[in-house]
mmCIF file of all heavy atoms, coordinates in Angstrom:
data_MODEL
# 
_entry.id   MODEL 
# 
loop_
_atom_site.group_PDB 
_atom_site.id 
_atom_site.type_symbol 
_atom_site.label_atom_id 
_atom_site.label_alt_id 
_atom_site.label_comp_id 
_atom_site.label_asym_id 
_atom_site.label_entity_id 
_atom_site.label_seq_id 
_atom_site.pdbx_PDB_ins_code 
_atom_site.Cartn_x 
_atom_site.Cartn_y 
_atom_site.Cartn_z 
_atom_site.occupancy 
_atom_site.B_iso_or_equiv 
_atom_site.pdbx_formal_charge 
_atom_site.auth_seq_id 
_atom_site.auth_comp_id 
_atom_site.auth_asym_id 
_atom_site.auth_atom_id 
_atom_site.pdbx_PDB_model_num 
ATOM 1   N N   . ARG A 1 1  ? 6.872  -7.650  -78.472 1.00 0.00 ? 1  ARG A N   1 
ATOM 2   C CA  . ARG A 1 1  ? 7.720  -7.363  -77.408 1.00 0.00 ? 1  ARG A CA  1 
ATOM 3   C C   . ARG A 1 1  ? 7.718  -8.418  -76.218 1.00 0.00 ? 1  ARG A C   1 
ATOM 4   O O   . ARG A 1 1  ? 8.341  -8.194  -75.301 1.00 0.00 ? 1  ARG A O   1 
ATOM 5   C CB  . ARG A 1 1  ? 7.430  -5.973  -76.766 1.00 0.00 ? 1  ARG A CB  1 
ATOM 6   C CG  . ARG A 1 1  ? 7.642  -4.810  -77.702 1.00 0.00 ? 1  ARG A CG  1 
ATOM 7   C CD  . ARG A 1 1  ? 7.746  -3.629  -77.006 1.00 0.00 ? 1  ARG A CD  1 
ATOM 8   N NE  . ARG A 1 1  ? 6.688  -3.162  -76.185 1.00 0.00 ? 1  ARG A NE  1 
ATOM 9   C CZ  . ARG A 1 1  ? 6.808  -2.117  -75.330 1.00 0.00 ? 1  ARG A CZ  1 
ATOM 10  N NH1 . ARG A 1 1  ? 7.805  -1.396  -75.210 1.00 0.00 ? 1  ARG A NH1 1 
ATOM 11  N NH2 . ARG A 1 1  ? 5.630  -1.755  -74.668 1.00 0.00 ? 1  ARG A NH2 1 
ATOM 12  N N   . ASP A 1 2  ? 6.967  -9.452  -76.375 1.00 0.00 ? 2  ASP A N   1 
ATOM 13  C CA  . ASP A 1 2  ? 7.019  -10.449 -75.282 1.00 0.00 ? 2  ASP A CA  1 
ATOM 14  C C   . ASP A 1 2  ? 6.810  -11.847 -75.827 1.00 0.00 ? 2  ASP A C   1 
ATOM 15  O O   . ASP A 1 2  ? 6.012  -12.577 -75.427 1.00 0.00 ? 2  ASP A O   1 
ATOM 16  C CB  . ASP A 1 2  ? 5.931  -10.163 -74.246 1.00 0.00 ? 2  ASP A CB  1 
ATOM 17  C CG  . ASP A 1 2  ? 6.195  -10.926 -72.966 1.00 0.00 ? 2  ASP A CG  1 
ATOM 18  O OD1 . ASP A 1 2  ? 7.372  -11.240 -72.661 1.00 0.00 ? 2  ASP A OD1 1 
ATOM 19  O OD2 . ASP A 1 2  ? 5.261  -10.953 -72.190 1.00 0.00 ? 2  ASP A OD2 1 
ATOM 20  N N   . ILE A 1 3  ? 7.617  -12.225 -76.801 1.00 0.00 ? 3  ILE A N   1 
ATOM 21  C CA  . ILE A 1 3  ? 7.647  -13.563 -77.409 1.00 0.00 ? 3  ILE A CA  1 
ATOM 22  C C   . ILE A 1 3  ? 8.327  -14.573 -76.497 1.00 0.00 ? 3  ILE A C   1 
ATOM 23  O O   . ILE A 1 3  ? 9.468  -14.387 -76.143 1.00 0.00 ? 3  ILE A O   1 
ATOM 24  C CB  . ILE A 1 3  ? 8.185  -13.623 -78.833 1.00 0.00 ? 3  ILE A CB  1 
ATOM 25  C CG1 . ILE A 1 3  ? 7.452  -12.701 -79.719 1.00 0.00 ? 3  ILE A CG1 1 
ATOM 26  C CG2 . ILE A 1 3  ? 8.221  -15.022 -79.348 1.00 0.00 ? 3  ILE A CG2 1 
ATOM 27  C CD1 . ILE A 1 3  ? 8.062  -12.412 -80.984 1.00 0.00 ? 3  ILE A CD1 1 
ATOM 28  N N   . LYS A 1 4  ? 7.610  -15.511 -75.975 1.00 0.00 ? 4  LYS A N   1 
ATOM 29  C CA  . LYS A 1 4  ? 8.153  -16.610 -75.127 1.00 0.00 ? 4  LYS A CA  1 
ATOM 30  C C   . LYS A 1 4  ? 7.233  -17.865 -75.137 1.00 0.00 ? 4  LYS A C   1 
ATOM 31  O O   . LYS A 1 4  ? 6.084  -17.732 -75.691 1.00 0.00 ? 4  LYS A O   1 
ATOM 32  C CB  . LYS A 1 4  ? 8.300  -16.098 -73.652 1.00 0.00 ? 4  LYS A CB  1 
ATOM 33  C CG  . LYS A 1 4  ? 6.920  -15.682 -73.096 1.00 0.00 ? 4  LYS A CG  1 
ATOM 34  C CD  . LYS A 1 4  ? 7.213  -14.908 -71.689 1.00 0.00 ? 4  LYS A CD  1 
ATOM 35  C CE  . LYS A 1 4  ? 5.821  -14.471 -71.194 1.00 0.00 ? 4  LYS A CE  1 
ATOM 36  N NZ  . LYS A 1 4  ? 6.139  -13.862 -69.788 1.00 0.00 ? 4  LYS A NZ  1 
ATOM 37  N N   . PRO A 1 5  ? 7.727  -18.944 -74.604 1.00 0.00 ? 5  PRO A N   1 
ATOM 38  C CA  . PRO A 1 5  ? 6.826  -20.173 -74.733 1.00 0.00 ? 5  PRO A CA  1 
ATOM 39  C C   . PRO A 1 5  ? 5.496  -19.999 -74.051 1.00 0.00 ? 5  PRO A C   1 
ATOM 40  O O   . PRO A 1 5  ? 4.510  -20.597 -74.510 1.00 0.00 ? 5  PRO A O   1 
ATOM 41  C CB  . PRO A 1 5  ? 7.642  -21.236 -73.924 1.00 0.00 ? 5  PRO A CB  1 
ATOM 42  C CG  . PRO A 1 5  ? 9.103  -20.822 -74.209 1.00 0.00 ? 5  PRO A CG  1 
ATOM 43  C CD  . PRO A 1 5  ? 9.100  -19.270 -74.125 1.00 0.00 ? 5  PRO A CD  1 
ATOM 44  N N   . ASP A 1 6  ? 5.436  -19.221 -73.046 1.00 0.00 ? 6  ASP A N   1 
ATOM 45  C CA  . ASP A 1 6  ? 4.066  -19.061 -72.309 1.00 0.00 ? 6  ASP A CA  1 
ATOM 46  C C   . ASP A 1 6  ? 3.040  -18.289 -73.148 1.00 0.00 ? 6  ASP A C   1 
ATOM 47  O O   . ASP A 1 6  ? 1.846  -18.300 -72.962 1.00 0.00 ? 6  ASP A O   1 
ATOM 48  C CB  . ASP A 1 6  ? 4.263  -18.220 -71.054 1.00 0.00 ? 6  ASP A CB  1 
ATOM 49  C CG  . ASP A 1 6  ? 4.984  -19.128 -69.935 1.00 0.00 ? 6  ASP A CG  1 
ATOM 50  O OD1 . ASP A 1 6  ? 4.355  -20.149 -69.635 1.00 0.00 ? 6  ASP A OD1 1 
ATOM 51  O OD2 . ASP A 1 6  ? 6.047  -18.742 -69.517 1.00 0.00 ? 6  ASP A OD2 1 
ATOM 52  N N   . ASN A 1 7  ? 3.601  -17.464 -74.134 1.00 0.00 ? 7  ASN A N   1 
ATOM 53  C CA  . ASN A 1 7  ? 2.702  -16.666 -75.056 1.00 0.00 ? 7  ASN A CA  1 
ATOM 54  C C   . ASN A 1 7  ? 2.445  -17.358 -76.399 1.00 0.00 ? 7  ASN A C   1 
ATOM 55  O O   . ASN A 1 7  ? 2.117  -16.639 -77.358 1.00 0.00 ? 7  ASN A O   1 
ATOM 56  C CB  . ASN A 1 7  ? 3.340  -15.345 -75.142 1.00 0.00 ? 7  ASN A CB  1 
ATOM 57  C CG  . ASN A 1 7  ? 3.120  -14.564 -73.893 1.00 0.00 ? 7  ASN A CG  1 
ATOM 58  O OD1 . ASN A 1 7  ? 2.248  -14.802 -73.067 1.00 0.00 ? 7  ASN A OD1 1 
ATOM 59  N ND2 . ASN A 1 7  ? 3.920  -13.433 -73.693 1.00 0.00 ? 7  ASN A ND2 1 
ATOM 60  N N   . ILE A 1 8  ? 2.767  -18.608 -76.488 1.00 0.00 ? 8  ILE A N   1 
ATOM 61  C CA  . ILE A 1 8  ? 2.484  -19.318 -77.730 1.00 0.00 ? 8  ILE A CA  1 
ATOM 62  C C   . ILE A 1 8  ? 1.610  -20.574 -77.449 1.00 0.00 ? 8  ILE A C   1 
ATOM 63  O O   . ILE A 1 8  ? 1.930  -21.413 -76.615 1.00 0.00 ? 8  ILE A O   1 
ATOM 64  C CB  . ILE A 1 8  ? 3.814  -19.817 -78.452 1.00 0.00 ? 8  ILE A CB  1 
ATOM 65  C CG1 . ILE A 1 8  ? 4.618  -18.562 -78.937 1.00 0.00 ? 8  ILE A CG1 1 
ATOM 66  C CG2 . ILE A 1 8  ? 3.492  -20.673 -79.677 1.00 0.00 ? 8  ILE A CG2 1 
ATOM 67  C CD1 . ILE A 1 8  ? 5.967  -18.915 -79.390 1.00 0.00 ? 8  ILE A CD1 1 
ATOM 68  N N   . MET A 1 9  ? 0.458  -20.583 -78.051 1.00 0.00 ? 9  MET A N   1 
ATOM 69  C CA  . MET A 1 9  ? -0.445 -21.762 -77.908 1.00 0.00 ? 9  MET A CA  1 
ATOM 70  C C   . MET A 1 9  ? -0.189 -22.703 -79.013 1.00 0.00 ? 9  MET A C   1 
ATOM 71  O O   . MET A 1 9  ? -0.007 -22.335 -80.239 1.00 0.00 ? 9  MET A O   1 
ATOM 72  C CB  . MET A 1 9  ? -1.936 -21.260 -77.918 1.00 0.00 ? 9  MET A CB  1 
ATOM 73  C CG  . MET A 1 9  ? -2.318 -20.352 -76.771 1.00 0.00 ? 9  MET A CG  1 
ATOM 74  S SD  . MET A 1 9  ? -2.285 -21.255 -75.211 1.00 0.00 ? 9  MET A SD  1 
ATOM 75  C CE  . MET A 1 9  ? -3.530 -22.536 -75.492 1.00 0.00 ? 9  MET A CE  1 
ATOM 76  N N   . ILE A 1 10 ? -0.167 -23.982 -78.706 1.00 0.00 ? 10 ILE A N   1 
ATOM 77  C CA  . ILE A 1 10 ? -0.153 -25.080 -79.626 1.00 0.00 ? 10 ILE A CA  1 
ATOM 78  C C   . ILE A 1 10 ? -1.553 -25.700 -79.784 1.00 0.00 ? 10 ILE A C   1 
ATOM 79  O O   . ILE A 1 10 ? -2.050 -26.320 -78.797 1.00 0.00 ? 10 ILE A O   1 
ATOM 80  C CB  . ILE A 1 10 ? 0.855  -26.098 -79.314 1.00 0.00 ? 10 ILE A CB  1 
ATOM 81  C CG1 . ILE A 1 10 ? 2.230  -25.434 -79.106 1.00 0.00 ? 10 ILE A CG1 1 
ATOM 82  C CG2 . ILE A 1 10 ? 0.958  -27.138 -80.440 1.00 0.00 ? 10 ILE A CG2 1 
ATOM 83  C CD1 . ILE A 1 10 ? 2.765  -24.677 -80.272 1.00 0.00 ? 10 ILE A CD1 1 
ATOM 84  N N   . ARG A 1 11 ? -2.232 -25.532 -80.854 1.00 0.00 ? 11 ARG A N   1 
ATOM 85  C CA  . ARG A 1 11 ? -3.556 -26.155 -81.033 1.00 0.00 ? 11 ARG A CA  1 
ATOM 86  C C   . ARG A 1 11 ? -3.432 -27.638 -81.180 1.00 0.00 ? 11 ARG A C   1 
ATOM 87  O O   . ARG A 1 11 ? -2.335 -28.172 -81.426 1.00 0.00 ? 11 ARG A O   1 
ATOM 88  C CB  . ARG A 1 11 ? -4.163 -25.596 -82.404 1.00 0.00 ? 11 ARG A CB  1 
ATOM 89  C CG  . ARG A 1 11 ? -4.602 -24.069 -82.318 1.00 0.00 ? 11 ARG A CG  1 
ATOM 90  C CD  . ARG A 1 11 ? -5.406 -23.872 -83.511 1.00 0.00 ? 11 ARG A CD  1 
ATOM 91  N NE  . ARG A 1 11 ? -6.047 -22.440 -83.602 1.00 0.00 ? 11 ARG A NE  1 
ATOM 92  C CZ  . ARG A 1 11 ? -5.634 -21.534 -84.321 1.00 0.00 ? 11 ARG A CZ  1 
ATOM 93  N NH1 . ARG A 1 11 ? -4.690 -21.634 -85.192 1.00 0.00 ? 11 ARG A NH1 1 
ATOM 94  N NH2 . ARG A 1 11 ? -6.306 -20.357 -84.282 1.00 0.00 ? 11 ARG A NH2 1 
ATOM 95  N N   . PRO A 1 12 ? -4.599 -28.361 -81.004 1.00 0.00 ? 12 PRO A N   1 
ATOM 96  C CA  . PRO A 1 12 ? -4.637 -29.799 -81.147 1.00 0.00 ? 12 PRO A CA  1 
ATOM 97  C C   . PRO A 1 12 ? -4.001 -30.387 -82.390 1.00 0.00 ? 12 PRO A C   1 
ATOM 98  O O   . PRO A 1 12 ? -3.574 -31.365 -82.543 1.00 0.00 ? 12 PRO A O   1 
ATOM 99  C CB  . PRO A 1 12 ? -6.114 -30.179 -81.005 1.00 0.00 ? 12 PRO A CB  1 
ATOM 100 C CG  . PRO A 1 12 ? -6.673 -29.089 -80.060 1.00 0.00 ? 12 PRO A CG  1 
ATOM 101 C CD  . PRO A 1 12 ? -5.949 -27.824 -80.484 1.00 0.00 ? 12 PRO A CD  1 
ATOM 102 N N   . ASP A 1 13 ? -4.156 -29.446 -83.565 1.00 0.00 ? 13 ASP A N   1 
ATOM 103 C CA  . ASP A 1 13 ? -3.652 -29.930 -84.803 1.00 0.00 ? 13 ASP A CA  1 
ATOM 104 C C   . ASP A 1 13 ? -2.115 -29.721 -85.029 1.00 0.00 ? 13 ASP A C   1 
ATOM 105 O O   . ASP A 1 13 ? -1.430 -29.932 -86.013 1.00 0.00 ? 13 ASP A O   1 
ATOM 106 C CB  . ASP A 1 13 ? -4.388 -29.279 -85.980 1.00 0.00 ? 13 ASP A CB  1 
ATOM 107 C CG  . ASP A 1 13 ? -4.249 -27.755 -85.975 1.00 0.00 ? 13 ASP A CG  1 
ATOM 108 O OD1 . ASP A 1 13 ? -3.415 -27.185 -85.134 1.00 0.00 ? 13 ASP A OD1 1 
ATOM 109 O OD2 . ASP A 1 13 ? -4.844 -27.135 -86.882 1.00 0.00 ? 13 ASP A OD2 1 
ATOM 110 N N   . GLY A 1 14 ? -1.496 -29.097 -83.841 1.00 0.00 ? 14 GLY A N   1 
ATOM 111 C CA  . GLY A 1 14 ? -0.051 -28.780 -83.967 1.00 0.00 ? 14 GLY A CA  1 
ATOM 112 C C   . GLY A 1 14 ? 0.358  -27.460 -84.391 1.00 0.00 ? 14 GLY A C   1 
ATOM 113 O O   . GLY A 1 14 ? 1.537  -27.108 -84.398 1.00 0.00 ? 14 GLY A O   1 
ATOM 114 N N   . SER A 1 15 ? -0.603 -26.607 -84.815 1.00 0.00 ? 15 SER A N   1 
ATOM 115 C CA  . SER A 1 15 ? -0.234 -25.248 -85.291 1.00 0.00 ? 15 SER A CA  1 
ATOM 116 C C   . SER A 1 15 ? -0.045 -24.291 -84.056 1.00 0.00 ? 15 SER A C   1 
ATOM 117 O O   . SER A 1 15 ? -0.563 -24.552 -83.053 1.00 0.00 ? 15 SER A O   1 
ATOM 118 C CB  . SER A 1 15 ? -1.333 -24.781 -86.272 1.00 0.00 ? 15 SER A CB  1 
ATOM 119 O OG  . SER A 1 15 ? -2.579 -24.643 -85.628 1.00 0.00 ? 15 SER A OG  1 
ATOM 120 N N   . ALA A 1 16 ? 0.752  -23.284 -84.340 1.00 0.00 ? 16 ALA A N   1 
ATOM 121 C CA  . ALA A 1 16 ? 1.092  -22.310 -83.318 1.00 0.00 ? 16 ALA A CA  1 
ATOM 122 C C   . ALA A 1 16 ? 0.296  -21.116 -83.390 1.00 0.00 ? 16 ALA A C   1 
ATOM 123 O O   . ALA A 1 16 ? 0.083  -20.545 -84.519 1.00 0.00 ? 16 ALA A O   1 
ATOM 124 C CB  . ALA A 1 16 ? 2.589  -22.047 -83.412 1.00 0.00 ? 16 ALA A CB  1 
ATOM 125 N N   . VAL A 1 17 ? -0.010 -20.470 -82.226 1.00 0.00 ? 17 VAL A N   1 
ATOM 126 C CA  . VAL A 1 17 ? -0.795 -19.168 -82.244 1.00 0.00 ? 17 VAL A CA  1 
ATOM 127 C C   . VAL A 1 17 ? 0.009  -18.229 -81.213 1.00 0.00 ? 17 VAL A C   1 
ATOM 128 O O   . VAL A 1 17 ? 0.247  -18.594 -80.195 1.00 0.00 ? 17 VAL A O   1 
ATOM 129 C CB  . VAL A 1 17 ? -2.263 -19.325 -81.802 1.00 0.00 ? 17 VAL A CB  1 
ATOM 130 C CG1 . VAL A 1 17 ? -2.888 -17.929 -81.883 1.00 0.00 ? 17 VAL A CG1 1 
ATOM 131 C CG2 . VAL A 1 17 ? -2.971 -20.270 -82.791 1.00 0.00 ? 17 VAL A CG2 1 
ATOM 132 N N   . LEU A 1 18 ? 0.391  -17.086 -81.727 1.00 0.00 ? 18 LEU A N   1 
ATOM 133 C CA  . LEU A 1 18 ? 1.011  -16.140 -80.801 1.00 0.00 ? 18 LEU A CA  1 
ATOM 134 C C   . LEU A 1 18 ? -0.083 -15.314 -80.115 1.00 0.00 ? 18 LEU A C   1 
ATOM 135 O O   . LEU A 1 18 ? -0.929 -14.784 -80.722 1.00 0.00 ? 18 LEU A O   1 
ATOM 136 C CB  . LEU A 1 18 ? 1.878  -15.210 -81.596 1.00 0.00 ? 18 LEU A CB  1 
ATOM 137 C CG  . LEU A 1 18 ? 2.645  -14.093 -80.910 1.00 0.00 ? 18 LEU A CG  1 
ATOM 138 C CD1 . LEU A 1 18 ? 3.547  -14.699 -79.857 1.00 0.00 ? 18 LEU A CD1 1 
ATOM 139 C CD2 . LEU A 1 18 ? 3.307  -13.174 -81.871 1.00 0.00 ? 18 LEU A CD2 1 
ATOM 140 N N   . ILE A 1 19 ? -0.011 -15.312 -78.697 1.00 0.00 ? 19 ILE A N   1 
ATOM 141 C CA  . ILE A 1 19 ? -1.093 -14.706 -77.976 1.00 0.00 ? 19 ILE A CA  1 
ATOM 142 C C   . ILE A 1 19 ? -0.449 -13.586 -77.053 1.00 0.00 ? 19 ILE A C   1 
ATOM 143 O O   . ILE A 1 19 ? 0.837  -13.344 -77.172 1.00 0.00 ? 19 ILE A O   1 
ATOM 144 C CB  . ILE A 1 19 ? -1.804 -15.672 -76.976 1.00 0.00 ? 19 ILE A CB  1 
ATOM 145 C CG1 . ILE A 1 19 ? -0.836 -16.313 -76.059 1.00 0.00 ? 19 ILE A CG1 1 
ATOM 146 C CG2 . ILE A 1 19 ? -2.489 -16.828 -77.883 1.00 0.00 ? 19 ILE A CG2 1 
ATOM 147 C CD1 . ILE A 1 19 ? -1.631 -17.197 -74.894 1.00 0.00 ? 19 ILE A CD1 1 
ATOM 148 N N   . ASP A 1 20 ? -1.280 -13.000 -76.271 1.00 0.00 ? 20 ASP A N   1 
ATOM 149 C CA  . ASP A 1 20 ? -1.007 -11.914 -75.348 1.00 0.00 ? 20 ASP A CA  1 
ATOM 150 C C   . ASP A 1 20 ? -0.282 -10.736 -75.849 1.00 0.00 ? 20 ASP A C   1 
ATOM 151 O O   . ASP A 1 20 ? 0.958  -10.599 -75.871 1.00 0.00 ? 20 ASP A O   1 
ATOM 152 C CB  . ASP A 1 20 ? -0.067 -12.563 -74.228 1.00 0.00 ? 20 ASP A CB  1 
ATOM 153 C CG  . ASP A 1 20 ? -0.072 -11.682 -72.901 1.00 0.00 ? 20 ASP A CG  1 
ATOM 154 O OD1 . ASP A 1 20 ? -0.573 -10.497 -72.981 1.00 0.00 ? 20 ASP A OD1 1 
ATOM 155 O OD2 . ASP A 1 20 ? 0.304  -12.248 -71.897 1.00 0.00 ? 20 ASP A OD2 1 
ATOM 156 N N   . LEU A 1 21 ? -1.016 -9.777  -76.191 1.00 0.00 ? 21 LEU A N   1 
ATOM 157 C CA  . LEU A 1 21 ? -0.557 -8.516  -76.793 1.00 0.00 ? 21 LEU A CA  1 
ATOM 158 C C   . LEU A 1 21 ? -0.569 -7.326  -75.637 1.00 0.00 ? 21 LEU A C   1 
ATOM 159 O O   . LEU A 1 21 ? -0.560 -6.253  -76.005 1.00 0.00 ? 21 LEU A O   1 
ATOM 160 C CB  . LEU A 1 21 ? -1.410 -8.034  -77.890 1.00 0.00 ? 21 LEU A CB  1 
ATOM 161 C CG  . LEU A 1 21 ? -1.398 -8.937  -79.149 1.00 0.00 ? 21 LEU A CG  1 
ATOM 162 C CD1 . LEU A 1 21 ? -2.701 -8.677  -80.026 1.00 0.00 ? 21 LEU A CD1 1 
ATOM 163 C CD2 . LEU A 1 21 ? -0.080 -8.576  -79.901 1.00 0.00 ? 21 LEU A CD2 1 
ATOM 164 N N   . SER A 1 22 ? -0.555 -7.718  -74.353 1.00 0.00 ? 22 SER A N   1 
ATOM 165 C CA  . SER A 1 22 ? -0.692 -6.877  -73.232 1.00 0.00 ? 22 SER A CA  1 
ATOM 166 C C   . SER A 1 22 ? 0.443  -5.790  -73.209 1.00 0.00 ? 22 SER A C   1 
ATOM 167 O O   . SER A 1 22 ? 0.149  -4.645  -72.724 1.00 0.00 ? 22 SER A O   1 
ATOM 168 C CB  . SER A 1 22 ? -0.818 -7.601  -72.033 1.00 0.00 ? 22 SER A CB  1 
ATOM 169 O OG  . SER A 1 22 ? 0.374  -8.443  -71.724 1.00 0.00 ? 22 SER A OG  1 
ATOM 170 N N   . ILE A 1 23 ? 1.634  -6.085  -73.707 1.00 0.00 ? 23 ILE A N   1 
ATOM 171 C CA  . ILE A 1 23 ? 2.665  -5.043  -73.693 1.00 0.00 ? 23 ILE A CA  1 
ATOM 172 C C   . ILE A 1 23 ? 3.156  -4.706  -75.110 1.00 0.00 ? 23 ILE A C   1 
ATOM 173 O O   . ILE A 1 23 ? 4.197  -4.085  -75.269 1.00 0.00 ? 23 ILE A O   1 
ATOM 174 C CB  . ILE A 1 23 ? 3.894  -5.443  -72.857 1.00 0.00 ? 23 ILE A CB  1 
ATOM 175 C CG1 . ILE A 1 23 ? 4.642  -6.642  -73.387 1.00 0.00 ? 23 ILE A CG1 1 
ATOM 176 C CG2 . ILE A 1 23 ? 3.471  -5.752  -71.463 1.00 0.00 ? 23 ILE A CG2 1 
ATOM 177 C CD1 . ILE A 1 23 ? 5.929  -6.868  -72.715 1.00 0.00 ? 23 ILE A CD1 1 
ATOM 178 N N   . ALA A 1 24 ? 2.243  -5.221  -76.040 1.00 0.00 ? 24 ALA A N   1 
ATOM 179 C CA  . ALA A 1 24 ? 2.638  -4.677  -77.493 1.00 0.00 ? 24 ALA A CA  1 
ATOM 180 C C   . ALA A 1 24 ? 2.529  -3.284  -77.660 1.00 0.00 ? 24 ALA A C   1 
ATOM 181 O O   . ALA A 1 24 ? 1.766  -2.588  -76.855 1.00 0.00 ? 24 ALA A O   1 
ATOM 182 C CB  . ALA A 1 24 ? 1.696  -5.504  -78.463 1.00 0.00 ? 24 ALA A CB  1 
# 
């Protein structure tokens, strides 16, 4: 319920991680 650029981390290897489940 809150997918946006601030809630996606880009690791040093370039892979993406979806974070922040606070309003899931």
